[in-house]
Protein backbone atom coordinates (compact mmCIF):
# COMPACT_ATOMS: atom_id res chain seq x y z
CA MET A 1 -0.04 0.16 -0.01
CA ALA A 2 1.39 3.39 -0.84
CA LYS A 3 1.90 6.09 1.81
CA SER A 4 0.52 9.36 1.58
CA VAL A 5 2.44 12.28 1.94
CA LYS A 6 0.91 15.48 3.38
CA LYS A 7 2.47 18.55 2.02
CA SER A 8 3.61 21.57 4.51
CA GLY A 9 1.80 24.75 4.27
CA ALA A 10 5.13 26.54 3.53
CA ALA A 11 5.89 24.43 0.68
CA HIS A 12 2.62 24.92 -0.79
CA LYS A 13 2.61 28.64 -0.41
CA ALA A 14 5.86 28.85 -2.15
CA ALA A 15 4.64 27.04 -5.12
CA ALA A 16 1.62 29.40 -5.68
CA LYS A 17 2.03 31.58 -8.76
CA PRO A 18 1.75 35.41 -8.11
CA SER A 19 -1.34 37.09 -9.37
CA LYS A 20 -1.02 38.98 -12.47
CA PRO A 21 -1.67 42.90 -12.21
CA ALA A 22 -4.59 44.26 -14.07
CA ALA A 23 -3.84 45.01 -17.74
CA LYS A 24 -4.22 48.74 -17.40
CA LYS A 25 -3.86 50.62 -14.13
CA THR A 26 -5.82 53.96 -13.78
CA VAL A 27 -3.67 56.68 -12.54
CA ALA A 28 -4.53 57.97 -9.08
CA SER A 29 -4.54 61.64 -9.71
CA ALA A 30 -6.68 61.50 -12.91
CA LYS A 31 -9.08 58.98 -10.84
CA ALA A 32 -9.26 61.48 -8.13
CA ASN A 33 -10.27 64.15 -10.66
CA GLY A 34 -13.31 62.05 -11.80
CA THR A 35 -11.54 60.85 -15.28
CA SER A 36 -10.24 57.56 -16.21
CA THR A 37 -6.84 57.59 -17.51
CA SER A 38 -4.82 54.31 -18.14
CA HIS A 39 -1.21 53.81 -17.32
CA ASP A 40 -0.48 52.69 -20.68
CA GLN A 41 -1.90 55.99 -22.22
CA VAL A 42 0.25 58.14 -19.78
CA ALA A 43 3.25 56.02 -20.43
CA GLN A 44 2.82 56.15 -24.37
CA LEU A 45 2.32 60.39 -24.32
CA ALA A 46 5.27 60.52 -21.81
CA HIS A 47 7.59 58.41 -24.19
CA ARG A 48 6.48 60.77 -27.02
CA PHE A 49 7.26 63.86 -24.81
CA TRP A 50 10.70 62.42 -24.04
CA THR A 51 11.38 61.57 -27.63
CA GLU A 52 10.27 65.18 -28.99
CA ARG A 53 12.74 66.67 -26.42
CA GLY A 54 15.61 64.60 -27.87
CA GLN A 55 15.60 61.63 -25.46
CA THR A 56 17.53 63.38 -22.95
CA HIS A 57 17.29 61.98 -19.55
CA GLY A 58 16.36 63.59 -16.23
CA HIS A 59 12.97 65.02 -16.87
CA HIS A 60 10.75 61.62 -16.83
CA GLU A 61 8.70 63.05 -13.78
CA GLU A 62 8.06 66.43 -15.98
CA ASP A 63 7.06 64.27 -18.95
CA TRP A 64 4.72 62.07 -16.94
CA PHE A 65 2.95 64.94 -15.22
CA ARG A 66 2.57 66.77 -18.60
CA ALA A 67 1.20 63.68 -20.14
CA GLU A 68 -1.32 63.21 -17.32
CA GLN A 69 -2.51 66.80 -17.48
CA ALA A 70 -2.74 66.69 -21.37
CA LEU A 71 -4.82 63.39 -21.17
CA ARG A 72 -7.08 64.80 -18.54
CA SER A 73 -7.87 67.89 -20.39
CA LYS A 74 -8.44 66.10 -23.36
CA ALA A 75 -11.06 63.83 -21.43
CA SER A 76 -12.93 66.92 -20.13
């Protein structure tokens, strides 16, 4: 007769797959304003601003906030 082996709880938890995040996240500041702007939309526009600026580093936050504002004003 075969013996049954009980798995420990810790081993079972380690084998669990992490949950996948939602495909699109809503930007908190836009959500507070009553609009819904996806993370991907902001990222794409911020990347475009970075490219237009000559791909110089050090202004990513400025590009991101500018993209959020542009998308929020467009949604209004």
